[in-house]
C-alpha atoms as a PDB file:
ATOM      1  CA  MET A   1     -21.837   6.012 -10.300  1.00  0.00           C
ATOM      2  CA  ILE A   2     -18.933   7.898 -11.318  1.00  0.00           C
ATOM      3  CA  SER A   3     -15.541   6.728 -12.456  1.00  0.00           C
ATOM      4  CA  ILE A   4     -12.916   6.373  -9.861  1.00  0.00           C
ATOM      5  CA  ALA A   5      -9.041   7.367 -10.991  1.00  0.00           C
ATOM      6  CA  LEU A   6      -6.300   5.748  -8.753  1.00  0.00           C
ATOM      7  CA  PHE A   7      -2.756   6.976  -9.246  1.00  0.00           C
ATOM      8  CA  PRO A   8      -0.221   4.269  -7.948  1.00  0.00           C
ATOM      9  CA  CYS A   9       1.957   4.965  -5.430  1.00  0.00           C
ATOM     10  CA  ARG A  10       3.506   1.446  -5.078  1.00  0.00           C
ATOM     11  CA  PHE A  11       3.362  -0.707  -1.519  1.00  0.00           C
ATOM     12  CA  THR A  12      -0.067   0.811  -0.625  1.00  0.00           C
ATOM     13  CA  ASP A  13      -2.031  -2.340  -1.241  1.00  0.00           C
ATOM     14  CA  ALA A  14      -3.933  -0.971  -4.234  1.00  0.00           C
ATOM     15  CA  ALA A  15      -4.645  -4.267  -5.912  1.00  0.00           C
ATOM     16  CA  ARG A  16      -6.388  -5.061  -2.917  1.00  0.00           C
ATOM     17  CA  ILE A  17      -8.427  -2.064  -2.526  1.00  0.00           C
ATOM     18  CA  ILE A  18      -8.943  -2.060  -6.501  1.00  0.00           C
ATOM     19  CA  GLY A  19     -10.320  -5.353  -6.245  1.00  0.00           C
ATOM     20  CA  GLU A  20     -12.753  -4.895  -3.931  1.00  0.00           C
ATOM     21  CA  LEU A  21     -13.879  -1.648  -5.180  1.00  0.00           C
ATOM     22  CA  SER A  22     -14.660  -3.459  -8.446  1.00  0.00           C
ATOM     23  CA  TYR A  23     -16.321  -6.277  -6.981  1.00  0.00           C
ATOM     24  CA  THR A  24     -18.852  -4.061  -5.137  1.00  0.00           C
ATOM     25  CA  LEU A  25     -19.295  -1.309  -7.288  1.00  0.00           C
ATOM     26  CA  CYS A  26     -19.196  -3.772 -10.223  1.00  0.00           C
ATOM     27  CA  GLN A  27     -17.199  -1.670 -12.402  1.00  0.00           C
ATOM     28  CA  PRO A  28     -14.287  -2.958 -14.573  1.00  0.00           C
ATOM     29  CA  VAL A  29     -10.824  -2.053 -13.875  1.00  0.00           C
ATOM     30  CA  TYR A  30      -8.888  -0.230 -16.581  1.00  0.00           C
ATOM     31  CA  THR A  31      -4.971   0.066 -16.532  1.00  0.00           C
ATOM     32  CA  ASP A  32      -1.678   1.108 -18.032  1.00  0.00           C
ATOM     33  CA  SER A  33      -0.775  -2.300 -19.753  1.00  0.00           C
ATOM     34  CA  MET A  34      -4.353  -2.676 -20.994  1.00  0.00           C
ATOM     35  CA  LEU A  35      -3.823   1.184 -22.725  1.00  0.00           C
ATOM     36  CA  LEU A  36      -0.445   0.534 -23.632  1.00  0.00           C
ATOM     37  CA  GLU A  37      -1.246  -2.653 -25.246  1.00  0.00           C
ATOM     38  CA  GLU A  38      -4.335  -1.177 -27.480  1.00  0.00           C
ATOM     39  CA  MET A  39      -1.904   1.558 -28.415  1.00  0.00           C
ATOM     40  CA  SER A  40       0.671  -0.715 -29.110  1.00  0.00           C
ATOM     41  CA  LYS A  41      -1.472  -2.408 -31.857  1.00  0.00           C
ATOM     42  CA  LYS A  42      -2.937   0.585 -33.095  1.00  0.00           C
ATOM     43  CA  GLU A  43       0.102   2.137 -33.614  1.00  0.00           C
ATOM     44  CA  GLY A  44       2.596  -0.715 -34.456  1.00  0.00           C
ATOM     45  CA  ILE A  45       5.098   0.285 -31.453  1.00  0.00           C
ATOM     46  CA  PRO A  46       6.090  -2.464 -29.290  1.00  0.00           C
ATOM     47  CA  ILE A  47       5.220  -2.136 -25.521  1.00  0.00           C
ATOM     48  CA  LYS A  48       8.489  -1.903 -24.563  1.00  0.00           C
ATOM     49  CA  THR A  49       9.627   0.773 -26.755  1.00  0.00           C
ATOM     50  CA  LEU A  50       6.312   2.800 -25.468  1.00  0.00           C
ATOM     51  CA  GLN A  51       7.648   2.107 -21.988  1.00  0.00           C
ATOM     52  CA  GLU A  52      10.821   3.306 -22.391  1.00  0.00           C
ATOM     53  CA  LYS A  53       9.934   6.360 -24.675  1.00  0.00           C
ATOM     54  CA  LEU A  54       7.119   7.234 -22.290  1.00  0.00           C
ATOM     55  CA  PHE A  55       8.720   6.657 -18.952  1.00  0.00           C
ATOM     56  CA  SER A  56      12.614   7.078 -19.402  1.00  0.00           C
ATOM     57  CA  ASP A  57      14.082   9.203 -16.795  1.00  0.00           C
ATOM     58  CA  ASP A  58      17.087  10.126 -18.596  1.00  0.00           C
ATOM     59  CA  GLN A  59      17.822  13.774 -19.926  1.00  0.00           C
ATOM     60  CA  LEU A  60      15.652  14.241 -23.266  1.00  0.00           C
ATOM     61  CA  THR A  61      17.220  15.589 -26.053  1.00  0.00           C
ATOM     62  CA  HIS A  62      14.624  17.791 -27.787  1.00  0.00           C
ATOM     63  CA  ARG A  63      14.055  15.148 -30.645  1.00  0.00           C
ATOM     64  CA  ARG A  64      12.710  12.395 -27.631  1.00  0.00           C
ATOM     65  CA  SER A  65      11.022  14.893 -25.968  1.00  0.00           C
ATOM     66  CA  MET A  66       8.734  15.770 -29.044  1.00  0.00           C
ATOM     67  CA  GLU A  67       8.142  11.897 -29.320  1.00  0.00           C
ATOM     68  CA  LYS A  68       7.130  11.392 -25.672  1.00  0.00           C
ATOM     69  CA  GLU A  69       4.772  14.860 -25.895  1.00  0.00           C
ATOM     70  CA  ILE A  70       3.160  12.959 -29.301  1.00  0.00           C
ATOM     71  CA  LEU A  71       2.714   9.651 -27.576  1.00  0.00           C
ATOM     72  CA  ILE A  72       1.411  11.066 -24.436  1.00  0.00           C
ATOM     73  CA  ASP A  73      -1.182  13.148 -27.174  1.00  0.00           C
ATOM     74  CA  LEU A  74      -2.178   9.904 -28.476  1.00  0.00           C
ATOM     75  CA  LEU A  75      -2.863   8.299 -24.774  1.00  0.00           C
ATOM     76  CA  ARG A  76      -4.734  11.623 -24.052  1.00  0.00           C
ATOM     77  CA  GLN A  77      -6.822  11.116 -26.654  1.00  0.00           C
ATOM     78  CA  ARG A  78      -7.647   7.299 -25.880  1.00  0.00           C
ATOM     79  CA  CYS A  79      -8.544   8.239 -22.304  1.00  0.00           C
ATOM     80  CA  THR A  80     -10.660  11.049 -23.599  1.00  0.00           C
ATOM     81  CA  GLY A  81     -12.761   8.534 -25.701  1.00  0.00           C
ATOM     82  CA  LEU A  82     -12.939   6.292 -22.724  1.00  0.00           C
ATOM     83  CA  LEU A  83     -14.598   9.039 -20.671  1.00  0.00           C
ATOM     84  CA  ALA A  84     -16.948   9.667 -23.765  1.00  0.00           C
ATOM     85  CA  ASP A  85     -17.950   6.252 -23.314  1.00  0.00           C
ATOM     86  CA  SER A  86     -20.938   5.345 -20.899  1.00  0.00           C
ATOM     87  CA  THR A  87     -18.709   2.532 -19.196  1.00  0.00           C
ATOM     88  CA  ASN A  88     -17.771   3.827 -15.499  1.00  0.00           C
ATOM     89  CA  TYR A  89     -14.102   2.337 -15.136  1.00  0.00           C
ATOM     90  CA  ILE A  90     -12.024   2.048 -12.198  1.00  0.00           C
ATOM     91  CA  TYR A  91      -8.729   3.488 -13.515  1.00  0.00           C
ATOM     92  CA  TYR A  92      -5.471   2.490 -12.621  1.00  0.00           C
ATOM     93  CA  GLY A  93      -1.881   3.504 -13.232  1.00  0.00           C
ATOM     94  CA  PHE A  94       0.073   6.927 -14.504  1.00  0.00           C
ATOM     95  CA  PHE A  95      -1.996   7.545 -17.283  1.00  0.00           C
ATOM     96  CA  SER A  96      -4.798   8.214 -14.672  1.00  0.00           C
ATOM     97  CA  SER A  97      -3.301  11.619 -14.404  1.00  0.00           C
ATOM     98  CA  LEU A  98      -4.324  12.117 -18.149  1.00  0.00           C
ATOM     99  CA  LEU A  99      -8.103  11.867 -17.081  1.00  0.00           C
ATOM    100  CA  GLU A 100      -9.814  15.228 -17.069  1.00  0.00           C
ATOM    101  CA  SER A 101     -13.165  15.470 -15.678  1.00  0.00           C
ATOM    102  CA  ASN A 102     -15.580  17.297 -18.135  1.00  0.00           C
ATOM    103  CA  ASP A 103     -19.052  16.440 -18.503  1.00  0.00           C
ATOM    104  CA  HIS A 104     -18.136  12.524 -17.328  1.00  0.00           C
ATOM    105  CA  LEU A 105     -17.856  12.240 -13.465  1.00  0.00           C
ATOM    106  CA  ILE A 106     -14.574  11.280 -12.143  1.00  0.00           C
ATOM    107  CA  GLN A 107     -13.112  10.940  -9.101  1.00  0.00           C
ATOM    108  CA  LYS A 108      -9.182  11.333  -8.938  1.00  0.00           C
ATOM    109  CA  ILE A 109      -7.791   9.528  -5.582  1.00  0.00           C
ATOM    110  CA  LEU A 110      -4.252   9.250  -4.216  1.00  0.00           C
ATOM    111  CA  ILE A 111      -3.158   6.824  -1.305  1.00  0.00           C
ATOM    112  CA  LEU A 112      -0.377   7.437   0.185  1.00  0.00           C
ATOM    113  CA  SER A 113       1.843   5.950   3.197  1.00  0.00           C
ATOM    114  CA  ASP A 114       4.647   6.710   4.760  1.00  0.00           C
ATOM    115  CA  GLU A 115       8.147   5.054   3.949  1.00  0.00           C
ATOM    116  CA  LYS A 116       7.877   2.852   7.140  1.00  0.00           C
ATOM    117  CA  SER A 117       4.295   1.344   6.100  1.00  0.00           C
ATOM    118  CA  ARG A 118       5.869   0.571   2.447  1.00  0.00           C
ATOM    119  CA  ILE A 119       8.660  -0.826   3.532  1.00  0.00           C
ATOM    120  CA  ARG A 120       6.546  -2.848   5.705  1.00  0.00           C
ATOM    121  CA  ARG A 121       4.523  -3.779   3.082  1.00  0.00           C
ATOM    122  CA  ALA A 122       7.135  -4.527   0.591  1.00  0.00           C
ATOM    123  CA  ILE A 123       9.245  -6.908   2.771  1.00  0.00           C
ATOM    124  CA  ARG A 124       5.959  -8.974   3.092  1.00  0.00           C
ATOM    125  CA  GLN A 125       4.792  -9.089  -0.406  1.00  0.00           C
ATOM    126  CA  GLU A 126       7.973  -9.145  -1.967  1.00  0.00           C
ATOM    127  CA  LYS A 127       9.582 -11.174   0.659  1.00  0.00           C
ATOM    128  CA  ILE A 128      12.816  -9.322   0.067  1.00  0.00           C
ATOM    129  CA  ASN A 129      15.188  -7.546   2.944  1.00  0.00           C
ATOM    130  CA  LYS A 130      14.558  -3.900   4.465  1.00  0.00           C
ATOM    131  CA  GLU A 131      17.404  -2.416   2.010  1.00  0.00           C
ATOM    132  CA  SER A 132      15.997  -4.170  -1.110  1.00  0.00           C
ATOM    133  CA  ALA A 133      12.341  -2.703  -0.290  1.00  0.00           C
ATOM    134  CA  ARG A 134      14.028   0.711   0.235  1.00  0.00           C
ATOM    135  CA  LYS A 135      15.414   0.620  -3.045  1.00  0.00           C
ATOM    136  CA  LEU A 136      12.833  -0.753  -4.964  1.00  0.00           C
ATOM    137  CA  ILE A 137      10.611   2.157  -3.011  1.00  0.00           C
ATOM    138  CA  LYS A 138      13.038   4.830  -4.414  1.00  0.00           C
ATOM    139  CA  GLU A 139      13.024   3.340  -8.125  1.00  0.00           C
ATOM    140  CA  TYR A 140       9.371   3.494  -8.541  1.00  0.00           C
ATOM    141  CA  ASP A 141       8.773   6.845  -7.280  1.00  0.00           C
ATOM    142  CA  GLN A 142      11.768   8.148  -9.640  1.00  0.00           C
ATOM    143  CA  LYS A 143      10.086   6.651 -12.194  1.00  0.00           C
ATOM    144  CA  ALA A 144       6.414   8.446 -10.966  1.00  0.00           C
ATOM    145  CA  ALA A 145       8.161  11.502 -10.193  1.00  0.00           C
ATOM    146  CA  CYS A 146       9.988  11.828 -14.143  1.00  0.00           C
ATOM    147  CA  TRP A 147       6.164  11.401 -15.396  1.00  0.00           C
ATOM    148  CA  THR A 148       4.512  13.775 -13.469  1.00  0.00           C
ATOM    149  CA  GLN A 149       7.352  16.246 -13.577  1.00  0.00           C
ATOM    150  CA  PHE A 150       7.229  15.973 -17.278  1.00  0.00           C
ATOM    151  CA  LEU A 151       3.265  16.407 -17.472  1.00  0.00           C
ATOM    152  CA  PHE A 152       2.630  18.918 -14.794  1.00  0.00           C
ATOM    153  CA  ASN A 153       6.147  20.171 -13.197  1.00  0.00           C
ATOM    154  CA  LYS A 154       5.210  18.612 -10.331  1.00  0.00           C
ATOM    155  CA  SER A 155       6.051  15.795  -7.572  1.00  0.00           C
ATOM    156  CA  PRO A 156       3.841  12.644  -8.197  1.00  0.00           C
ATOM    157  CA  TYR A 157       2.301  12.781  -4.873  1.00  0.00           C
ATOM    158  CA  SER A 158       1.252  16.586  -4.815  1.00  0.00           C
ATOM    159  CA  PRO A 159      -2.279  16.788  -3.505  1.00  0.00           C
ATOM    160  CA  ASP A 160      -3.073  19.291  -5.446  1.00  0.00           C
ATOM    161  CA  LEU A 161      -3.158  16.810  -8.769  1.00  0.00           C
ATOM    162  CA  TYR A 162      -6.111  14.993  -6.834  1.00  0.00           C
ATOM    163  CA  ASP A 163      -9.573  15.450  -5.878  1.00  0.00           C
ATOM    164  CA  THR A 164      -8.657  13.528  -2.804  1.00  0.00           C
ATOM    165  CA  VAL A 165      -5.897  12.323  -0.816  1.00  0.00           C
ATOM    166  CA  ILE A 166      -6.310   9.093   1.474  1.00  0.00           C
ATOM    167  CA  ARG A 167      -3.516   8.738   3.950  1.00  0.00           C
ATOM    168  CA  TYR A 168      -2.933   4.987   4.595  1.00  0.00           C
ATOM    169  CA  GLU A 169      -0.775   4.012   7.665  1.00  0.00           C
ATOM    170  CA  GLY A 170      -2.346   2.523  10.767  1.00  0.00           C
ATOM    171  CA  GLN A 171      -5.840   2.343   9.903  1.00  0.00           C
ATOM    172  CA  ASP A 172      -7.487  -1.137   8.291  1.00  0.00           C
ATOM    173  CA  LEU A 173      -7.450  -1.753   4.789  1.00  0.00           C
ATOM    174  CA  LEU A 174     -11.677  -1.974   4.950  1.00  0.00           C
ATOM    175  CA  ASP A 175     -11.539   1.631   6.560  1.00  0.00           C
ATOM    176  CA  VAL A 176     -10.007   2.998   3.353  1.00  0.00           C
ATOM    177  CA  ILE A 177     -12.725   0.981   0.948  1.00  0.00           C
ATOM    178  CA  ALA A 178     -15.134   2.342   3.131  1.00  0.00           C
ATOM    179  CA  TYR A 179     -13.836   5.726   2.626  1.00  0.00           C
ATOM    180  CA  ILE A 180     -13.735   5.513  -0.875  1.00  0.00           C
ATOM    181  CA  PHE A 181     -17.412   4.480  -1.217  1.00  0.00           C
ATOM    182  CA  MET A 182     -18.271   7.350   1.062  1.00  0.00           C
ATOM    183  CA  LEU A 183     -16.687  10.009  -1.593  1.00  0.00           C
ATOM    184  CA  GLN A 184     -18.622   8.147  -4.193  1.00  0.00           C
ATOM    185  CA  GLU A 185     -21.826   8.276  -2.533  1.00  0.00           C
ATOM    186  CA  GLU A 186     -21.449  12.254  -1.549  1.00  0.00           C
ATOM    187  CA  ARG A 187     -20.165  12.803  -5.264  1.00  0.00           C
ATOM    188  CA  VAL A 188     -23.164  11.491  -6.575  1.00  0.00           C
ATOM    189  CA  GLN A 189     -25.931  12.984  -4.474  1.00  0.00           C
ATOM    190  CA  HIS A 190     -23.997  16.156  -4.598  1.00  0.00           C
ATOM    191  CA  ASP A 191     -24.175  16.076  -8.609  1.00  0.00           C
ATOM    192  CA  LYS A 192     -27.794  15.313  -8.174  1.00  0.00           C
ATOM    193  CA  SER A 193     -28.651  18.020  -5.952  1.00  0.00           C
ATOM    194  CA  ASP A 194     -27.064  20.154  -8.535  1.00  0.00           C
ATOM    195  CA  ALA A 195     -28.853  18.802 -11.276  1.00  0.00           C
ATOM    196  CA  ALA A 196     -32.451  19.212  -9.542  1.00  0.00           C
ATOM    197  CA  PRO A 197     -34.594  21.939 -10.543  1.00  0.00           C
ATOM    198  CA  PHE A 198     -35.182  24.608  -7.599  1.00  0.00           C
ATOM    199  CA  PHE A 199     -38.953  24.707  -6.622  1.00  0.00           C
ATOM    200  CA  THR A 200     -40.216  27.980  -4.518  1.00  0.00           C
END
């Protein structure tokens, strides 16, 4: 089995997808909030302060930019340590973008929906009107953009940041989950065949 890293695009039913994947694959979920809590305890910095320093979309001074770089390096070290562990996690959150596959197998996935589908889900989930839903999505996407622009100088939904991008508009949620299962199986089989000795 391999780990899954799912970058969040809000209102794409990620919680339901992750819950089903975790249950079926018997893999624990590891989130941004869990990583922030660990870092807060280790560094003695309140979680709210960490969030402000990491996700501020203001123009950063040189000093604040350096502080952010230091915090990101600490997060990256922890992510590297998690990958070195034998546990296969389902990683979910912005910090999944810090995970890099070396010896550990990991599938980096982005699930995208068009604005119309996201607005419809936001209205249903949050019990809000269309304009409020659009505002929530815009604020969230700005936060995601702030994060990936700082790290990679790219949009959060750039396909080249991921191994797989899944469009989730009209299809059934179970089809998305089944597709991720298929990706897992294909990746495992591919890596097994690469590792197998060649006989003539």
